[in-house]
Amino acid sequence: MALASFADVQEFFNAFITTNSIDIAGAQHGAFWNTLTYDKFVNGNIPNVTDPNTNQPLPILNKVNGKYDGPSSNIVMALAGTMNSLFDPNNPAGIGQMPQGGPDMSTDQIQELSDWITAGCPE
């Protein structure tokens, strides 16, 4: 399924959570994709999460040269467990891959989300 809107992104996350019986009740950010407005999702920070090294908020998405960039966005790196990032499961000073304890999203699923971000996050 190609993600064509923010509503698709919300359904994408909700379906993954439901299909995999993931309990996110204890996650400090909760199901933030359902509680944030589109604008807060694409321009805001991950709720209640800070960089453990700097104590600064972590943006959900990242822009490169003024354009949304999927591969370098924190939400994509968190789902992928990107090496040498805060989300690298082997980084003891980091946050780790999401969702904590798995199951992990497939490479194709993560790419779908990354593509939606890089396409400018169509509303």
PDB file of N, CA and C in Angstrom:
ATOM      1  N   MET A   1       0.840  -1.185   0.000  1.00  0.00           N
ATOM      2  CA  MET A   1       0.000   0.000   0.000  1.00  0.00           C
ATOM      3  C   MET A   1       0.877   1.238   0.000  1.00  0.00           C
ATOM      4  N   ALA A   2       0.731   2.074  -0.982  1.00  0.00           N
ATOM      5  CA  ALA A   2       1.475   3.328  -1.011  1.00  0.00           C
ATOM      6  C   ALA A   2       0.780   4.320  -0.092  1.00  0.00           C
ATOM      7  N   LEU A   3       1.562   4.990   0.722  1.00  0.00           N
ATOM      8  CA  LEU A   3       1.011   5.991   1.629  1.00  0.00           C
ATOM      9  C   LEU A   3       0.822   7.293   0.861  1.00  0.00           C
ATOM     10  N   ALA A   4      -0.421   7.764   0.807  1.00  0.00           N
ATOM     11  CA  ALA A   4      -0.722   8.958   0.013  1.00  0.00           C
ATOM     12  C   ALA A   4      -1.183  10.134   0.862  1.00  0.00           C
ATOM     13  N   SER A   5      -1.387   9.907   2.160  1.00  0.00           N
ATOM     14  CA  SER A   5      -1.895  10.973   3.016  1.00  0.00           C
ATOM     15  C   SER A   5      -1.509  10.702   4.467  1.00  0.00           C
ATOM     16  N   PHE A   6      -1.682  11.725   5.305  1.00  0.00           N
ATOM     17  CA  PHE A   6      -1.434  11.544   6.732  1.00  0.00           C
ATOM     18  C   PHE A   6      -2.395  10.511   7.319  1.00  0.00           C
ATOM     19  N   ALA A   7      -3.634  10.491   6.845  1.00  0.00           N
ATOM     20  CA  ALA A   7      -4.595   9.479   7.306  1.00  0.00           C
ATOM     21  C   ALA A   7      -4.073   8.075   6.981  1.00  0.00           C
ATOM     22  N   ASP A   8      -3.445   7.897   5.828  1.00  0.00           N
ATOM     23  CA  ASP A   8      -2.843   6.612   5.473  1.00  0.00           C
ATOM     24  C   ASP A   8      -1.717   6.255   6.442  1.00  0.00           C
ATOM     25  N   VAL A   9      -0.927   7.256   6.815  1.00  0.00           N
ATOM     26  CA  VAL A   9       0.183   7.023   7.751  1.00  0.00           C
ATOM     27  C   VAL A   9      -0.371   6.588   9.104  1.00  0.00           C
ATOM     28  N   GLN A  10      -1.413   7.263   9.567  1.00  0.00           N
ATOM     29  CA  GLN A  10      -2.026   6.887  10.839  1.00  0.00           C
ATOM     30  C   GLN A  10      -2.540   5.446  10.780  1.00  0.00           C
ATOM     31  N   GLU A  11      -3.226   5.104   9.709  1.00  0.00           N
ATOM     32  CA  GLU A  11      -3.746   3.744   9.549  1.00  0.00           C
ATOM     33  C   GLU A  11      -2.603   2.734   9.444  1.00  0.00           C
ATOM     34  N   PHE A  12      -1.528   3.099   8.772  1.00  0.00           N
ATOM     35  CA  PHE A  12      -0.339   2.269   8.625  1.00  0.00           C
ATOM     36  C   PHE A  12       0.204   1.866   9.999  1.00  0.00           C
ATOM     37  N   PHE A  13       0.372   2.855  10.883  1.00  0.00           N
ATOM     38  CA  PHE A  13       0.876   2.571  12.227  1.00  0.00           C
ATOM     39  C   PHE A  13      -0.145   1.781  13.038  1.00  0.00           C
ATOM     40  N   ASN A  14      -1.395   2.175  12.990  1.00  0.00           N
ATOM     41  CA  ASN A  14      -2.423   1.487  13.763  1.00  0.00           C
ATOM     42  C   ASN A  14      -2.572   0.032  13.336  1.00  0.00           C
ATOM     43  N   ALA A  15      -2.509  -0.229  12.028  1.00  0.00           N
ATOM     44  CA  ALA A  15      -2.608  -1.599  11.525  1.00  0.00           C
ATOM     45  C   ALA A  15      -1.420  -2.436  11.989  1.00  0.00           C
ATOM     46  N   PHE A  16      -0.220  -1.848  11.963  1.00  0.00           N
ATOM     47  CA  PHE A  16       0.978  -2.574  12.402  1.00  0.00           C
ATOM     48  C   PHE A  16       0.858  -2.941  13.880  1.00  0.00           C
ATOM     49  N   ILE A  17       0.413  -1.988  14.692  1.00  0.00           N
ATOM     50  CA  ILE A  17       0.248  -2.212  16.132  1.00  0.00           C
ATOM     51  C   ILE A  17      -0.783  -3.322  16.379  1.00  0.00           C
ATOM     52  N   THR A  18      -1.927  -3.230  15.694  1.00  0.00           N
ATOM     53  CA  THR A  18      -3.002  -4.202  15.882  1.00  0.00           C
ATOM     54  C   THR A  18      -2.598  -5.585  15.382  1.00  0.00           C
ATOM     55  N   THR A  19      -2.066  -5.646  14.170  1.00  0.00           N
ATOM     56  CA  THR A  19      -1.682  -6.929  13.574  1.00  0.00           C
ATOM     57  C   THR A  19      -0.658  -7.672  14.421  1.00  0.00           C
ATOM     58  N   ASN A  20       0.237  -6.916  15.038  1.00  0.00           N
ATOM     59  CA  ASN A  20       1.319  -7.529  15.806  1.00  0.00           C
ATOM     60  C   ASN A  20       1.058  -7.538  17.313  1.00  0.00           C
ATOM     61  N   SER A  21      -0.152  -7.159  17.714  1.00  0.00           N
ATOM     62  CA  SER A  21      -0.540  -7.154  19.142  1.00  0.00           C
ATOM     63  C   SER A  21       0.491  -6.452  20.014  1.00  0.00           C
ATOM     64  N   ILE A  22       0.917  -5.277  19.567  1.00  0.00           N
ATOM     65  CA  ILE A  22       1.923  -4.510  20.297  1.00  0.00           C
ATOM     66  C   ILE A  22       1.220  -3.638  21.327  1.00  0.00           C
ATOM     67  N   ASP A  23       1.664  -3.744  22.571  1.00  0.00           N
ATOM     68  CA  ASP A  23       1.114  -2.927  23.650  1.00  0.00           C
ATOM     69  C   ASP A  23       1.989  -1.692  23.797  1.00  0.00           C
ATOM     70  N   ILE A  24       1.467  -0.551  23.354  1.00  0.00           N
ATOM     71  CA  ILE A  24       2.263   0.676  23.453  1.00  0.00           C
ATOM     72  C   ILE A  24       1.830   1.530  24.631  1.00  0.00           C
ATOM     73  N   ALA A  25       1.007   0.974  25.506  1.00  0.00           N
ATOM     74  CA  ALA A  25       0.511   1.735  26.657  1.00  0.00           C
ATOM     75  C   ALA A  25       1.662   2.281  27.505  1.00  0.00           C
ATOM     76  N   GLY A  26       2.761   1.553  27.579  1.00  0.00           N
ATOM     77  CA  GLY A  26       3.892   2.006  28.386  1.00  0.00           C
ATOM     78  C   GLY A  26       4.873   2.898  27.653  1.00  0.00           C
ATOM     79  N   ALA A  27       4.675   3.087  26.358  1.00  0.00           N
ATOM     80  CA  ALA A  27       5.595   3.935  25.587  1.00  0.00           C
ATOM     81  C   ALA A  27       5.411   5.384  25.991  1.00  0.00           C
ATOM     82  N   GLN A  28       6.503   6.055  26.293  1.00  0.00           N
ATOM     83  CA  GLN A  28       6.386   7.430  26.774  1.00  0.00           C
ATOM     84  C   GLN A  28       5.779   8.371  25.737  1.00  0.00           C
ATOM     85  N   HIS A  29       5.876   8.029  24.473  1.00  0.00           N
ATOM     86  CA  HIS A  29       5.293   8.886  23.431  1.00  0.00           C
ATOM     87  C   HIS A  29       3.876   8.468  23.065  1.00  0.00           C
ATOM     88  N   GLY A  30       3.454   7.285  23.504  1.00  0.00           N
ATOM     89  CA  GLY A  30       2.115   6.796  23.185  1.00  0.00           C
ATOM     90  C   GLY A  30       1.896   6.697  21.681  1.00  0.00           C
ATOM     91  N   ALA A  31       0.663   6.654  21.268  1.00  0.00           N
ATOM     92  CA  ALA A  31       0.312   6.592  19.837  1.00  0.00           C
ATOM     93  C   ALA A  31       0.244   8.015  19.295  1.00  0.00           C
ATOM     94  N   PHE A  32       1.383   8.691  19.308  1.00  0.00           N
ATOM     95  CA  PHE A  32       1.428  10.122  18.983  1.00  0.00           C
ATOM     96  C   PHE A  32       0.925  10.446  17.589  1.00  0.00           C
ATOM     97  N   TRP A  33       1.017   9.505  16.666  1.00  0.00           N
ATOM     98  CA  TRP A  33       0.531   9.747  15.305  1.00  0.00           C
ATOM     99  C   TRP A  33      -0.987   9.944  15.290  1.00  0.00           C
ATOM    100  N   ASN A  34      -1.667   9.466  16.326  1.00  0.00           N
ATOM    101  CA  ASN A  34      -3.116   9.646  16.425  1.00  0.00           C
ATOM    102  C   ASN A  34      -3.511  10.905  17.175  1.00  0.00           C
ATOM    103  N   THR A  35      -2.607  11.431  17.986  1.00  0.00           N
ATOM    104  CA  THR A  35      -2.960  12.571  18.838  1.00  0.00           C
ATOM    105  C   THR A  35      -2.460  13.908  18.298  1.00  0.00           C
ATOM    106  N   LEU A  36      -1.475  13.868  17.422  1.00  0.00           N
ATOM    107  CA  LEU A  36      -0.936  15.113  16.863  1.00  0.00           C
ATOM    108  C   LEU A  36      -1.689  15.504  15.599  1.00  0.00           C
ATOM    109  N   THR A  37      -1.795  16.790  15.384  1.00  0.00           N
ATOM    110  CA  THR A  37      -2.336  17.268  14.113  1.00  0.00           C
ATOM    111  C   THR A  37      -1.311  16.967  13.017  1.00  0.00           C
ATOM    112  N   TYR A  38      -1.753  17.057  11.792  1.00  0.00           N
ATOM    113  CA  TYR A  38      -0.840  16.871  10.665  1.00  0.00           C
ATOM    114  C   TYR A  38       0.364  17.808  10.808  1.00  0.00           C
ATOM    115  N   ASP A  39       0.103  19.090  11.077  1.00  0.00           N
ATOM    116  CA  ASP A  39       1.182  20.077  11.185  1.00  0.00           C
ATOM    117  C   ASP A  39       2.164  19.720  12.294  1.00  0.00           C
ATOM    118  N   LYS A  40       1.645  19.302  13.443  1.00  0.00           N
ATOM    119  CA  LYS A  40       2.533  18.933  14.559  1.00  0.00           C
ATOM    120  C   LYS A  40       3.322  17.661  14.238  1.00  0.00           C
ATOM    121  N   PHE A  41       2.726  16.759  13.456  1.00  0.00           N
ATOM    122  CA  PHE A  41       3.437  15.547  13.079  1.00  0.00           C
ATOM    123  C   PHE A  41       4.593  15.869  12.134  1.00  0.00           C
ATOM    124  N   VAL A  42       4.342  16.671  11.132  1.00  0.00           N
ATOM    125  CA  VAL A  42       5.397  16.918  10.134  1.00  0.00           C
ATOM    126  C   VAL A  42       6.405  17.978  10.572  1.00  0.00           C
ATOM    127  N   ASN A  43       6.036  18.823  11.524  1.00  0.00           N
ATOM    128  CA  ASN A  43       6.947  19.898  11.947  1.00  0.00           C
ATOM    129  C   ASN A  43       7.328  19.845  13.421  1.00  0.00           C
ATOM    130  N   GLY A  44       6.797  18.869  14.147  1.00  0.00           N
ATOM    131  CA  GLY A  44       7.013  18.838  15.589  1.00  0.00           C
ATOM    132  C   GLY A  44       8.002  17.784  16.047  1.00  0.00           C
ATOM    133  N   ASN A  45       8.029  17.643  17.354  1.00  0.00           N
ATOM    134  CA  ASN A  45       8.944  16.717  18.016  1.00  0.00           C
ATOM    135  C   ASN A  45       8.206  15.477  18.499  1.00  0.00           C
ATOM    136  N   ILE A  46       8.951  14.415  18.719  1.00  0.00           N
ATOM    137  CA  ILE A  46       8.390  13.204  19.292  1.00  0.00           C
ATOM    138  C   ILE A  46       7.985  13.547  20.728  1.00  0.00           C
ATOM    139  N   PRO A  47       6.715  13.416  21.069  1.00  0.00           N
ATOM    140  CA  PRO A  47       6.273  13.804  22.412  1.00  0.00           C
ATOM    141  C   PRO A  47       6.987  13.028  23.519  1.00  0.00           C
ATOM    142  N   ASN A  48       7.430  13.779  24.525  1.00  0.00           N
ATOM    143  CA  ASN A  48       8.022  13.198  25.741  1.00  0.00           C
ATOM    144  C   ASN A  48       9.307  12.418  25.509  1.00  0.00           C
ATOM    145  N   VAL A  49       9.987  12.670  24.391  1.00  0.00           N
ATOM    146  CA  VAL A  49      11.246  11.969  24.107  1.00  0.00           C
ATOM    147  C   VAL A  49      12.323  13.017  23.819  1.00  0.00           C
ATOM    148  N   THR A  50      13.464  12.855  24.463  1.00  0.00           N
ATOM    149  CA  THR A  50      14.594  13.751  24.215  1.00  0.00           C
ATOM    150  C   THR A  50      15.830  12.922  23.876  1.00  0.00           C
ATOM    151  N   ASP A  51      16.755  13.571  23.226  1.00  0.00           N
ATOM    152  CA  ASP A  51      18.041  12.955  22.915  1.00  0.00           C
ATOM    153  C   ASP A  51      18.744  12.700  24.247  1.00  0.00           C
ATOM    154  N   PRO A  52      19.089  11.459  24.569  1.00  0.00           N
ATOM    155  CA  PRO A  52      19.723  11.185  25.859  1.00  0.00           C
ATOM    156  C   PRO A  52      21.106  11.821  26.010  1.00  0.00           C
ATOM    157  N   ASN A  53      21.709  12.221  24.903  1.00  0.00           N
ATOM    158  CA  ASN A  53      23.036  12.834  24.962  1.00  0.00           C
ATOM    159  C   ASN A  53      22.983  14.341  25.136  1.00  0.00           C
ATOM    160  N   THR A  54      21.936  14.972  24.593  1.00  0.00           N
ATOM    161  CA  THR A  54      21.855  16.440  24.639  1.00  0.00           C
ATOM    162  C   THR A  54      20.668  16.947  25.440  1.00  0.00           C
ATOM    163  N   ASN A  55      19.741  16.068  25.753  1.00  0.00           N
ATOM    164  CA  ASN A  55      18.511  16.427  26.447  1.00  0.00           C
ATOM    165  C   ASN A  55      17.618  17.351  25.612  1.00  0.00           C
ATOM    166  N   GLN A  56      17.868  17.421  24.318  1.00  0.00           N
ATOM    167  CA  GLN A  56      17.067  18.242  23.414  1.00  0.00           C
ATOM    168  C   GLN A  56      15.939  17.405  22.801  1.00  0.00           C
ATOM    169  N   PRO A  57      14.814  18.058  22.474  1.00  0.00           N
ATOM    170  CA  PRO A  57      13.722  17.325  21.817  1.00  0.00           C
ATOM    171  C   PRO A  57      14.181  16.743  20.481  1.00  0.00           C
ATOM    172  N   LEU A  58      13.533  15.664  20.090  1.00  0.00           N
ATOM    173  CA  LEU A  58      13.847  15.016  18.819  1.00  0.00           C
ATOM    174  C   LEU A  58      12.725  15.287  17.822  1.00  0.00           C
ATOM    175  N   PRO A  59      13.035  15.943  16.708  1.00  0.00           N
ATOM    176  CA  PRO A  59      12.004  16.129  15.688  1.00  0.00           C
ATOM    177  C   PRO A  59      11.564  14.780  15.126  1.00  0.00           C
ATOM    178  N   ILE A  60      10.294  14.684  14.789  1.00  0.00           N
ATOM    179  CA  ILE A  60       9.786  13.450  14.191  1.00  0.00           C
ATOM    180  C   ILE A  60      10.404  13.272  12.813  1.00  0.00           C
ATOM    181  N   LEU A  61      10.366  14.347  12.021  1.00  0.00           N
ATOM    182  CA  LEU A  61      10.873  14.313  10.648  1.00  0.00           C
ATOM    183  C   LEU A  61      12.076  15.234  10.522  1.00  0.00           C
ATOM    184  N   ASN A  62      12.819  15.054   9.458  1.00  0.00           N
ATOM    185  CA  ASN A  62      13.992  15.884   9.203  1.00  0.00           C
ATOM    186  C   ASN A  62      13.884  16.500   7.818  1.00  0.00           C
ATOM    187  N   LYS A  63      14.406  17.695   7.699  1.00  0.00           N
ATOM    188  CA  LYS A  63      14.480  18.356   6.396  1.00  0.00           C
ATOM    189  C   LYS A  63      15.941  18.510   6.005  1.00  0.00           C
ATOM    190  N   VAL A  64      16.195  18.324   4.727  1.00  0.00           N
ATOM    191  CA  VAL A  64      17.515  18.554   4.148  1.00  0.00           C
ATOM    192  C   VAL A  64      17.304  19.548   3.019  1.00  0.00           C
ATOM    193  N   ASN A  65      18.024  20.656   3.070  1.00  0.00           N
ATOM    194  CA  ASN A  65      17.871  21.721   2.080  1.00  0.00           C
ATOM    195  C   ASN A  65      16.405  22.154   1.942  1.00  0.00           C
ATOM    196  N   GLY A  66      15.704  22.218   3.078  1.00  0.00           N
ATOM    197  CA  GLY A  66      14.326  22.696   3.096  1.00  0.00           C
ATOM    198  C   GLY A  66      13.279  21.690   2.649  1.00  0.00           C
ATOM    199  N   LYS A  67      13.695  20.458   2.352  1.00  0.00           N
ATOM    200  CA  LYS A  67      12.742  19.438   1.899  1.00  0.00           C
ATOM    201  C   LYS A  67      12.751  18.268   2.877  1.00  0.00           C
ATOM    202  N   TYR A  68      11.567  17.703   3.097  1.00  0.00           N
ATOM    203  CA  TYR A  68      11.481  16.549   3.989  1.00  0.00           C
ATOM    204  C   TYR A  68      12.339  15.414   3.448  1.00  0.00           C
ATOM    205  N   ASP A  69      13.054  14.745   4.373  1.00  0.00           N
ATOM    206  CA  ASP A  69      13.973  13.678   3.995  1.00  0.00           C
ATOM    207  C   ASP A  69      13.649  12.429   4.807  1.00  0.00           C
ATOM    208  N   GLY A  70      13.070  11.448   4.150  1.00  0.00           N
ATOM    209  CA  GLY A  70      12.686  10.217   4.834  1.00  0.00           C
ATOM    210  C   GLY A  70      13.825   9.494   5.511  1.00  0.00           C
ATOM    211  N   PRO A  71      14.903   9.159   4.782  1.00  0.00           N
ATOM    212  CA  PRO A  71      15.953   8.341   5.387  1.00  0.00           C
ATOM    213  C   PRO A  71      16.597   8.947   6.637  1.00  0.00           C
ATOM    214  N   SER A  72      16.664  10.266   6.737  1.00  0.00           N
ATOM    215  CA  SER A  72      17.305  10.877   7.906  1.00  0.00           C
ATOM    216  C   SER A  72      16.307  11.318   8.969  1.00  0.00           C
ATOM    217  N   SER A  73      15.025  11.026   8.763  1.00  0.00           N
ATOM    218  CA  SER A  73      14.014  11.383   9.753  1.00  0.00           C
ATOM    219  C   SER A  73      14.069  10.417  10.930  1.00  0.00           C
ATOM    220  N   ASN A  74      13.915  10.953  12.132  1.00  0.00           N
ATOM    221  CA  ASN A  74      14.028  10.135  13.334  1.00  0.00           C
ATOM    222  C   ASN A  74      13.028   8.986  13.362  1.00  0.00           C
ATOM    223  N   ILE A  75      11.825   9.196  12.871  1.00  0.00           N
ATOM    224  CA  ILE A  75      10.835   8.126  12.905  1.00  0.00           C
ATOM    225  C   ILE A  75      11.270   6.944  12.030  1.00  0.00           C
ATOM    226  N   VAL A  76      11.890   7.236  10.901  1.00  0.00           N
ATOM    227  CA  VAL A  76      12.379   6.183  10.006  1.00  0.00           C
ATOM    228  C   VAL A  76      13.601   5.496  10.626  1.00  0.00           C
ATOM    229  N   MET A  77      14.515   6.293  11.143  1.00  0.00           N
ATOM    230  CA  MET A  77      15.711   5.705  11.756  1.00  0.00           C
ATOM    231  C   MET A  77      15.351   4.863  12.976  1.00  0.00           C
ATOM    232  N   ALA A  78      14.329   5.282  13.733  1.00  0.00           N
ATOM    233  CA  ALA A  78      13.897   4.518  14.908  1.00  0.00           C
ATOM    234  C   ALA A  78      13.329   3.165  14.489  1.00  0.00           C
ATOM    235  N   LEU A  79      12.508   3.162  13.465  1.00  0.00           N
ATOM    236  CA  LEU A  79      11.901   1.909  13.000  1.00  0.00           C
ATOM    237  C   LEU A  79      12.934   0.976  12.374  1.00  0.00           C
ATOM    238  N   ALA A  80      13.940   1.555  11.727  1.00  0.00           N
ATOM    239  CA  ALA A  80      14.970   0.755  11.059  1.00  0.00           C
ATOM    240  C   ALA A  80      16.103   0.339  11.993  1.00  0.00           C
ATOM    241  N   GLY A  81      16.214   0.996  13.160  1.00  0.00           N
ATOM    242  CA  GLY A  81      17.352   0.716  14.032  1.00  0.00           C
ATOM    243  C   GLY A  81      18.657   1.096  13.357  1.00  0.00           C
ATOM    244  N   THR A  82      18.654   2.266  12.729  1.00  0.00           N
ATOM    245  CA  THR A  82      19.780   2.715  11.906  1.00  0.00           C
ATOM    246  C   THR A  82      21.104   2.689  12.673  1.00  0.00           C
ATOM    247  N   MET A  83      22.079   2.022  12.073  1.00  0.00           N
ATOM    248  CA  MET A  83      23.411   1.938  12.680  1.00  0.00           C
ATOM    249  C   MET A  83      23.992   3.333  12.906  1.00  0.00           C
ATOM    250  N   ASN A  84      24.743   3.455  13.990  1.00  0.00           N
ATOM    251  CA  ASN A  84      25.438   4.689  14.352  1.00  0.00           C
ATOM    252  C   ASN A  84      24.484   5.866  14.586  1.00  0.00           C
ATOM    253  N   SER A  85      23.262   5.559  14.971  1.00  0.00           N
ATOM    254  CA  SER A  85      22.309   6.609  15.329  1.00  0.00           C
ATOM    255  C   SER A  85      21.844   6.343  16.757  1.00  0.00           C
ATOM    256  N   LEU A  86      21.019   7.232  17.269  1.00  0.00           N
ATOM    257  CA  LEU A  86      20.433   7.024  18.594  1.00  0.00           C
ATOM    258  C   LEU A  86      19.591   5.756  18.656  1.00  0.00           C
ATOM    259  N   PHE A  87      19.187   5.278  17.489  1.00  0.00           N
ATOM    260  CA  PHE A  87      18.266   4.150  17.428  1.00  0.00           C
ATOM    261  C   PHE A  87      18.957   2.830  17.104  1.00  0.00           C
ATOM    262  N   ASP A  88      20.287   2.862  17.026  1.00  0.00           N
ATOM    263  CA  ASP A  88      21.073   1.649  16.814  1.00  0.00           C
ATOM    264  C   ASP A  88      20.913   0.773  18.059  1.00  0.00           C
ATOM    265  N   PRO A  89      20.391  -0.443  17.902  1.00  0.00           N
ATOM    266  CA  PRO A  89      20.201  -1.289  19.080  1.00  0.00           C
ATOM    267  C   PRO A  89      21.499  -1.621  19.807  1.00  0.00           C
ATOM    268  N   ASN A  90      22.636  -1.407  19.150  1.00  0.00           N
ATOM    269  CA  ASN A  90      23.939  -1.684  19.770  1.00  0.00           C
ATOM    270  C   ASN A  90      24.546  -0.456  20.430  1.00  0.00           C
ATOM    271  N   ASN A  91      23.814   0.655  20.453  1.00  0.00           N
ATOM    272  CA  ASN A  91      24.305   1.893  21.066  1.00  0.00           C
ATOM    273  C   ASN A  91      23.796   1.956  22.506  1.00  0.00           C
ATOM    274  N   PRO A  92      24.665   1.667  23.483  1.00  0.00           N
ATOM    275  CA  PRO A  92      24.201   1.648  24.874  1.00  0.00           C
ATOM    276  C   PRO A  92      23.770   3.021  25.390  1.00  0.00           C
ATOM    277  N   ALA A  93      24.209   4.088  24.747  1.00  0.00           N
ATOM    278  CA  ALA A  93      23.834   5.434  25.177  1.00  0.00           C
ATOM    279  C   ALA A  93      22.651   5.973  24.379  1.00  0.00           C
ATOM    280  N   GLY A  94      22.058   5.123  23.551  1.00  0.00           N
ATOM    281  CA  GLY A  94      20.978   5.575  22.686  1.00  0.00           C
ATOM    282  C   GLY A  94      19.599   5.156  23.168  1.00  0.00           C
ATOM    283  N   ILE A  95      18.662   5.229  22.265  1.00  0.00           N
ATOM    284  CA  ILE A  95      17.265   4.924  22.551  1.00  0.00           C
ATOM    285  C   ILE A  95      16.920   3.502  22.124  1.00  0.00           C
ATOM    286  N   GLY A  96      17.488   3.064  21.021  1.00  0.00           N
ATOM    287  CA  GLY A  96      17.215   1.724  20.513  1.00  0.00           C
ATOM    288  C   GLY A  96      16.148   1.722  19.439  1.00  0.00           C
ATOM    289  N   GLN A  97      16.007   0.599  18.805  1.00  0.00           N
ATOM    290  CA  GLN A  97      15.063   0.424  17.705  1.00  0.00           C
ATOM    291  C   GLN A  97      13.638   0.362  18.237  1.00  0.00           C
ATOM    292  N   MET A  98      12.721   0.887  17.443  1.00  0.00           N
ATOM    293  CA  MET A  98      11.306   0.875  17.793  1.00  0.00           C
ATOM    294  C   MET A  98      10.561  -0.101  16.892  1.00  0.00           C
ATOM    295  N   PRO A  99       9.516  -0.705  17.343  1.00  0.00           N
ATOM    296  CA  PRO A  99       9.061  -0.664  18.729  1.00  0.00           C
ATOM    297  C   PRO A  99       9.973  -1.493  19.622  1.00  0.00           C
ATOM    298  N   GLN A 100      10.165  -1.017  20.843  1.00  0.00           N
ATOM    299  CA  GLN A 100      11.035  -1.734  21.768  1.00  0.00           C
ATOM    300  C   GLN A 100      10.515  -3.145  21.968  1.00  0.00           C
ATOM    301  N   GLY A 101      11.397  -4.095  21.844  1.00  0.00           N
ATOM    302  CA  GLY A 101      11.030  -5.486  22.011  1.00  0.00           C
ATOM    303  C   GLY A 101      10.445  -6.127  20.765  1.00  0.00           C
ATOM    304  N   GLY A 102      10.310  -5.305  19.682  1.00  0.00           N
ATOM    305  CA  GLY A 102       9.818  -5.818  18.415  1.00  0.00           C
ATOM    306  C   GLY A 102       8.332  -6.076  18.436  1.00  0.00           C
ATOM    307  N   PRO A 103       7.833  -6.651  17.371  1.00  0.00           N
ATOM    308  CA  PRO A 103       8.558  -7.056  16.176  1.00  0.00           C
ATOM    309  C   PRO A 103       8.937  -5.837  15.334  1.00  0.00           C
ATOM    310  N   ASP A 104       9.949  -6.016  14.526  1.00  0.00           N
ATOM    311  CA  ASP A 104      10.417  -4.931  13.680  1.00  0.00           C
ATOM    312  C   ASP A 104       9.557  -4.828  12.423  1.00  0.00           C
ATOM    313  N   MET A 105       9.420  -3.597  11.937  1.00  0.00           N
ATOM    314  CA  MET A 105       8.771  -3.398  10.642  1.00  0.00           C
ATOM    315  C   MET A 105       9.694  -3.945   9.561  1.00  0.00           C
ATOM    316  N   SER A 106       9.099  -4.383   8.482  1.00  0.00           N
ATOM    317  CA  SER A 106       9.900  -4.878   7.360  1.00  0.00           C
ATOM    318  C   SER A 106      10.587  -3.705   6.660  1.00  0.00           C
ATOM    319  N   THR A 107      11.613  -4.014   5.928  1.00  0.00           N
ATOM    320  CA  THR A 107      12.312  -2.998   5.143  1.00  0.00           C
ATOM    321  C   THR A 107      11.344  -2.314   4.181  1.00  0.00           C
ATOM    322  N   ASP A 108      10.450  -3.085   3.568  1.00  0.00           N
ATOM    323  CA  ASP A 108       9.469  -2.507   2.633  1.00  0.00           C
ATOM    324  C   ASP A 108       8.515  -1.549   3.341  1.00  0.00           C
ATOM    325  N   GLN A 109       8.065  -1.906   4.539  1.00  0.00           N
ATOM    326  CA  GLN A 109       7.173  -1.024   5.285  1.00  0.00           C
ATOM    327  C   GLN A 109       7.866   0.292   5.637  1.00  0.00           C
ATOM    328  N   ILE A 110       9.099   0.182   6.101  1.00  0.00           N
ATOM    329  CA  ILE A 110       9.861   1.381   6.469  1.00  0.00           C
ATOM    330  C   ILE A 110      10.097   2.241   5.229  1.00  0.00           C
ATOM    331  N   GLN A 111      10.367   1.610   4.104  1.00  0.00           N
ATOM    332  CA  GLN A 111      10.572   2.346   2.855  1.00  0.00           C
ATOM    333  C   GLN A 111       9.310   3.087   2.443  1.00  0.00           C
ATOM    334  N   GLU A 112       8.144   2.480   2.630  1.00  0.00           N
ATOM    335  CA  GLU A 112       6.874   3.162   2.317  1.00  0.00           C
ATOM    336  C   GLU A 112       6.751   4.466   3.088  1.00  0.00           C
ATOM    337  N   LEU A 113       7.044   4.399   4.382  1.00  0.00           N
ATOM    338  CA  LEU A 113       6.965   5.600   5.220  1.00  0.00           C
ATOM    339  C   LEU A 113       8.005   6.622   4.782  1.00  0.00           C
ATOM    340  N   SER A 114       9.208   6.164   4.533  1.00  0.00           N
ATOM    341  CA  SER A 114      10.276   7.054   4.091  1.00  0.00           C
ATOM    342  C   SER A 114       9.914   7.734   2.772  1.00  0.00           C
ATOM    343  N   ASP A 115       9.319   6.987   1.862  1.00  0.00           N
ATOM    344  CA  ASP A 115       8.911   7.551   0.565  1.00  0.00           C
ATOM    345  C   ASP A 115       7.845   8.636   0.747  1.00  0.00           C
ATOM    346  N   TRP A 116       6.879   8.404   1.652  1.00  0.00           N
ATOM    347  CA  TRP A 116       5.839   9.410   1.912  1.00  0.00           C
ATOM    348  C   TRP A 116       6.474  10.694   2.440  1.00  0.00           C
ATOM    349  N   ILE A 117       7.427  10.551   3.339  1.00  0.00           N
ATOM    350  CA  ILE A 117       8.108  11.730   3.906  1.00  0.00           C
ATOM    351  C   ILE A 117       8.862  12.458   2.800  1.00  0.00           C
ATOM    352  N   THR A 118       9.669  11.736   2.027  1.00  0.00           N
ATOM    353  CA  THR A 118      10.473  12.345   0.967  1.00  0.00           C
ATOM    354  C   THR A 118       9.602  12.983  -0.105  1.00  0.00           C
ATOM    355  N   ALA A 119       8.386  12.458  -0.297  1.00  0.00           N
ATOM    356  CA  ALA A 119       7.451  13.044  -1.275  1.00  0.00           C
ATOM    357  C   ALA A 119       6.835  14.351  -0.764  1.00  0.00           C
ATOM    358  N   GLY A 120       7.242  14.784   0.424  1.00  0.00           N
ATOM    359  CA  GLY A 120       6.752  16.062   0.953  1.00  0.00           C
ATOM    360  C   GLY A 120       5.607  15.907   1.929  1.00  0.00           C
ATOM    361  N   CYS A 121       5.356  14.685   2.383  1.00  0.00           N
ATOM    362  CA  CYS A 121       4.308  14.416   3.375  1.00  0.00           C
ATOM    363  C   CYS A 121       2.943  14.884   2.896  1.00  0.00           C
ATOM    364  N   PRO A 122       2.461  14.365   1.767  1.00  0.00           N
ATOM    365  CA  PRO A 122       1.142  14.781   1.294  1.00  0.00           C
ATOM    366  C   PRO A 122       0.086  14.639   2.393  1.00  0.00           C
ATOM    367  N   GLU A 123      -0.705  15.698   2.545  1.00  0.00           N
ATOM    368  CA  GLU A 123      -1.706  15.706   3.604  1.00  0.00           C
ATOM    369  C   GLU A 123      -2.904  14.871   3.192  1.00  0.00           C
TER     370      GLU A 123
END
